[in-house]
Amino acid sequence: MARQERAIRTRKAILEAAGAVFDEHGYASTTIAMVLERADVTKGALYFHFPSKESLAQAVLDEQLPFGTVPPHPCKLQEIIDITFVFGQRLVGNSLLQGSVRLTVDQCAPPGVDHTGPYRQWAELLVALMQQAREQGELLPTVVLRDTVELLVGAFAGVQQMSRALSGREDLGHRISVLWSHILPSIAVPGLLLGLDSKPDRGTRILADIELSGY
């Protein structure tokens, strides 16, 4: 049991270090030696978990989706809003998530690294929530679920990149709020709009609630 726990800790340390290095240098310029130095582990320990740089990058990519986890909300549109704000807030300070996002948009990653995965996974998750929102009468009848979700995913990817470039993500909450202020009137039924919370500090407040509740 102790050996297993140590292996889990080592794998986590490697992933966090890799996320930081990938975020700082991109896929092509990142080396295993950089990750080893950042993680302070042996080459044998790293290769036990990840046999190649490609497999390490893929593992960092595969860690992305759980960072958007939020408590269920009766209003599914609010739950989708909360996911974007929580993901954005976690992105500000989490090196593993930062590396995963950098790899998602990094066109230098080789064919063996599927950087399309997060786009597809986010789309599937959000389409399912949008379908629930439709069933609950939250959406305008003209909304095409897949098109709306893919617009949201693509716009969020662009917004966070712009925020990273211009402010080191310090203004990401504001930019997400602006994004929703333009999207919501075109998809939500009018009676729902005033009750939806898309203020810039939404992510901070949701994460504080999660910490208190232990969710």
Protein backbone atom coordinates (compact mmCIF):
# COMPACT_ATOMS: atom_id res chain seq x y z
CA MET A 1 0.00 0.00 0.00
CA ALA A 2 2.81 2.42 0.89
CA ARG A 3 4.54 1.62 -2.42
CA GLN A 4 1.32 2.27 -4.32
CA GLU A 5 0.77 5.61 -2.59
CA ARG A 6 4.36 6.60 -3.34
CA ALA A 7 3.87 5.71 -6.99
CA ILE A 8 0.71 7.85 -7.14
CA ARG A 9 2.56 10.80 -5.59
CA THR A 10 5.46 10.36 -7.99
CA ARG A 11 3.17 10.24 -11.01
CA LYS A 12 1.39 13.38 -9.83
CA ALA A 13 4.69 15.20 -9.30
CA ILE A 14 5.84 14.25 -12.79
CA LEU A 15 2.59 15.41 -14.38
CA GLU A 16 2.65 18.73 -12.53
CA ALA A 17 6.26 19.32 -13.51
CA ALA A 18 5.57 18.35 -17.11
CA GLY A 19 2.57 20.67 -17.21
CA ALA A 20 4.71 23.58 -16.06
CA VAL A 21 7.48 22.86 -18.57
CA PHE A 22 5.11 22.30 -21.49
CA ASP A 23 3.35 25.55 -20.64
CA GLU A 24 6.60 27.50 -20.52
CA HIS A 25 8.35 25.99 -23.53
CA GLY A 26 5.78 24.25 -25.73
CA TYR A 27 5.99 20.65 -26.88
CA ALA A 28 8.90 20.89 -29.31
CA SER A 29 11.28 22.67 -26.92
CA THR A 30 10.45 20.59 -23.87
CA THR A 31 12.87 17.79 -23.01
CA ILE A 32 12.63 14.90 -20.60
CA ALA A 33 15.66 16.33 -18.80
CA MET A 34 13.72 19.54 -18.09
CA VAL A 35 10.84 17.56 -16.61
CA LEU A 36 13.19 15.43 -14.50
CA GLU A 37 14.84 18.52 -13.08
CA ARG A 38 11.50 20.19 -12.30
CA ALA A 39 9.96 17.07 -10.77
CA ASP A 40 13.14 16.06 -8.92
CA VAL A 41 12.69 12.38 -9.79
CA THR A 42 14.94 9.81 -11.42
CA LYS A 43 14.78 8.92 -15.09
CA GLY A 44 13.73 5.41 -14.09
CA ALA A 45 10.80 6.72 -12.07
CA LEU A 46 9.60 8.84 -14.97
CA TYR A 47 9.91 6.09 -17.55
CA PHE A 48 8.12 3.67 -15.23
CA HIS A 49 5.00 5.83 -15.60
CA PHE A 50 5.58 7.37 -19.04
CA PRO A 51 7.65 5.48 -21.63
CA SER A 52 8.09 8.49 -23.93
CA LYS A 53 7.72 12.24 -24.22
CA GLU A 54 4.63 11.63 -26.35
CA SER A 55 2.96 9.51 -23.68
CA LEU A 56 3.78 12.13 -21.05
CA ALA A 57 2.23 14.87 -23.17
CA GLN A 58 -0.86 12.73 -23.77
CA ALA A 59 -1.24 12.12 -20.04
CA VAL A 60 -1.06 15.87 -19.38
CA LEU A 61 -3.73 16.43 -22.03
CA ASP A 62 -5.95 13.72 -20.55
CA GLU A 63 -5.96 15.45 -17.15
CA GLN A 64 -7.81 18.52 -18.44
CA LEU A 65 -11.50 17.67 -18.15
CA PRO A 66 -11.69 17.04 -14.37
CA PHE A 67 -10.58 20.64 -13.72
CA GLY A 68 -13.99 21.80 -14.89
CA THR A 69 -15.87 19.73 -12.33
CA VAL A 70 -18.50 21.72 -10.43
CA PRO A 71 -21.41 20.78 -8.15
CA PRO A 72 -24.62 20.00 -10.06
CA HIS A 73 -26.97 22.96 -10.40
CA PRO A 74 -30.76 22.78 -10.91
CA CYS A 75 -30.36 25.21 -13.83
CA LYS A 76 -28.18 23.48 -16.40
CA LEU A 77 -27.22 26.70 -18.17
CA GLN A 78 -25.89 27.98 -14.85
CA GLU A 79 -23.96 24.74 -14.42
CA ILE A 80 -22.34 25.24 -17.84
CA ILE A 81 -21.49 28.83 -16.92
CA ASP A 82 -19.98 27.60 -13.63
CA ILE A 83 -17.81 25.07 -15.47
CA THR A 84 -16.23 27.78 -17.59
CA PHE A 85 -15.55 30.07 -14.63
CA VAL A 86 -14.15 27.31 -12.41
CA PHE A 87 -11.96 26.02 -15.22
CA GLY A 88 -10.73 29.55 -15.85
CA GLN A 89 -10.03 30.20 -12.17
CA ARG A 90 -8.12 26.94 -11.82
CA LEU A 91 -6.21 27.75 -14.97
CA VAL A 92 -4.79 30.87 -13.34
CA GLY A 93 -2.76 28.94 -10.78
CA ASN A 94 -2.49 25.27 -11.76
CA SER A 95 0.62 24.32 -13.72
CA LEU A 96 -0.73 20.94 -14.85
CA LEU A 97 -3.85 22.54 -16.30
CA GLN A 98 -1.81 25.32 -17.89
CA GLY A 99 0.37 22.74 -19.62
CA SER A 100 -2.65 20.77 -20.77
CA VAL A 101 -4.20 23.88 -22.32
CA ARG A 102 -0.90 24.83 -23.97
CA LEU A 103 -0.65 21.36 -25.54
CA THR A 104 -4.25 21.57 -26.76
CA VAL A 105 -3.39 24.54 -28.98
CA ASP A 106 0.20 23.48 -29.74
CA GLN A 107 0.35 22.55 -33.41
CA CYS A 108 3.93 21.27 -33.03
CA ALA A 109 2.81 18.16 -31.14
CA PRO A 110 3.44 15.01 -33.23
CA PRO A 111 0.64 12.81 -34.64
CA GLY A 112 1.02 10.45 -31.68
CA VAL A 113 -0.27 13.16 -29.33
CA ASP A 114 -4.00 13.71 -29.75
CA HIS A 115 -4.46 17.40 -28.96
CA THR A 116 -7.96 17.25 -30.41
CA GLY A 117 -9.16 15.15 -27.46
CA PRO A 118 -10.00 18.01 -25.08
CA TYR A 119 -12.05 19.80 -27.74
CA ARG A 120 -14.10 16.67 -28.40
CA GLN A 121 -14.44 15.75 -24.73
CA TRP A 122 -15.57 19.24 -23.72
CA ALA A 123 -18.05 19.28 -26.58
CA GLU A 124 -19.59 15.95 -25.55
CA LEU A 125 -19.90 17.01 -21.91
CA LEU A 126 -21.47 20.36 -22.74
CA VAL A 127 -23.83 18.98 -25.38
CA ALA A 128 -25.22 16.59 -22.76
CA LEU A 129 -25.76 19.48 -20.33
CA MET A 130 -27.28 21.62 -23.06
CA GLN A 131 -29.69 18.82 -23.86
CA GLN A 132 -30.78 18.79 -20.21
CA ALA A 133 -31.16 22.56 -20.37
CA ARG A 134 -33.39 22.17 -23.42
CA GLU A 135 -35.53 19.54 -21.69
CA GLN A 136 -35.97 21.93 -18.75
CA GLY A 137 -37.12 24.76 -21.02
CA GLU A 138 -34.04 26.93 -20.52
CA LEU A 139 -33.11 27.36 -24.18
CA LEU A 140 -34.64 29.26 -27.06
CA PRO A 141 -36.15 26.91 -29.65
CA THR A 142 -33.74 28.13 -32.34
CA VAL A 143 -30.64 26.86 -30.51
CA VAL A 144 -28.66 24.17 -32.34
CA LEU A 145 -26.91 22.35 -29.52
CA ARG A 146 -23.76 21.10 -31.25
CA ASP A 147 -23.13 24.38 -33.07
CA THR A 148 -23.62 26.40 -29.89
CA VAL A 149 -21.34 24.19 -27.83
CA GLU A 150 -18.56 24.17 -30.43
CA LEU A 151 -18.78 27.96 -30.68
CA LEU A 152 -18.47 28.18 -26.89
CA VAL A 153 -15.52 25.78 -26.71
CA GLY A 154 -13.70 27.55 -29.54
CA ALA A 155 -14.41 31.01 -28.17
CA PHE A 156 -13.25 30.00 -24.69
CA ALA A 157 -10.00 28.61 -26.14
CA GLY A 158 -9.37 31.91 -27.88
CA VAL A 159 -10.33 34.04 -24.91
CA GLN A 160 -7.99 32.25 -22.54
CA GLN A 161 -5.10 32.47 -25.01
CA MET A 162 -5.67 36.21 -25.41
CA SER A 163 -5.85 36.63 -21.64
CA ARG A 164 -2.61 34.69 -21.21
CA ALA A 165 -0.84 36.84 -23.78
CA LEU A 166 -2.09 40.21 -22.58
CA SER A 167 -2.33 39.88 -18.80
CA GLY A 168 -0.92 36.53 -17.70
CA ARG A 169 -4.56 35.44 -17.28
CA GLU A 170 -5.24 38.07 -14.61
CA ASP A 171 -8.26 39.33 -16.55
CA LEU A 172 -9.59 35.89 -17.53
CA GLY A 173 -12.65 36.10 -15.26
CA HIS A 174 -13.63 39.40 -16.87
CA ARG A 175 -13.16 38.01 -20.36
CA ILE A 176 -15.28 34.94 -19.61
CA SER A 177 -17.98 37.23 -18.23
CA VAL A 178 -17.94 39.30 -21.43
CA LEU A 179 -18.13 36.13 -23.52
CA TRP A 180 -21.26 35.00 -21.68
CA SER A 181 -22.85 38.46 -21.91
CA HIS A 182 -22.81 38.03 -25.69
CA ILE A 183 -23.79 34.36 -25.86
CA LEU A 184 -26.57 34.12 -23.26
CA PRO A 185 -29.11 36.47 -24.91
CA SER A 186 -28.92 34.36 -28.06
CA ILE A 187 -29.56 31.01 -26.35
CA ALA A 188 -31.41 31.50 -23.03
CA VAL A 189 -35.13 32.13 -22.70
CA PRO A 190 -35.70 35.77 -21.63
CA GLY A 191 -37.21 34.87 -18.25
CA LEU A 192 -34.01 33.08 -17.26
CA LEU A 193 -31.47 35.78 -18.14
CA LEU A 194 -31.74 37.91 -15.00
CA GLY A 195 -31.27 34.88 -12.74
CA LEU A 196 -28.06 33.65 -14.38
CA ASP A 197 -24.81 34.57 -12.60
CA SER A 198 -21.94 35.29 -14.97
CA LYS A 199 -20.10 37.92 -12.94
CA PRO A 200 -16.29 37.93 -13.27
CA ASP A 201 -15.74 36.55 -9.75
CA ARG A 202 -18.10 33.58 -10.23
CA GLY A 203 -15.21 31.10 -10.37
CA THR A 204 -13.69 32.36 -7.13
CA ARG A 205 -17.01 32.05 -5.32
CA ILE A 206 -17.77 28.57 -6.67
CA LEU A 207 -14.32 27.29 -5.69
CA ALA A 208 -14.74 28.73 -2.19
CA ASP A 209 -18.05 26.88 -1.86
CA ILE A 210 -16.46 23.66 -3.14
CA GLU A 211 -13.69 23.95 -0.55
CA LEU A 212 -16.19 24.50 2.26
CA SER A 213 -18.44 21.65 1.20
CA GLY A 214 -15.64 19.23 0.36
CA TYR A 215 -17.28 18.47 -3.01
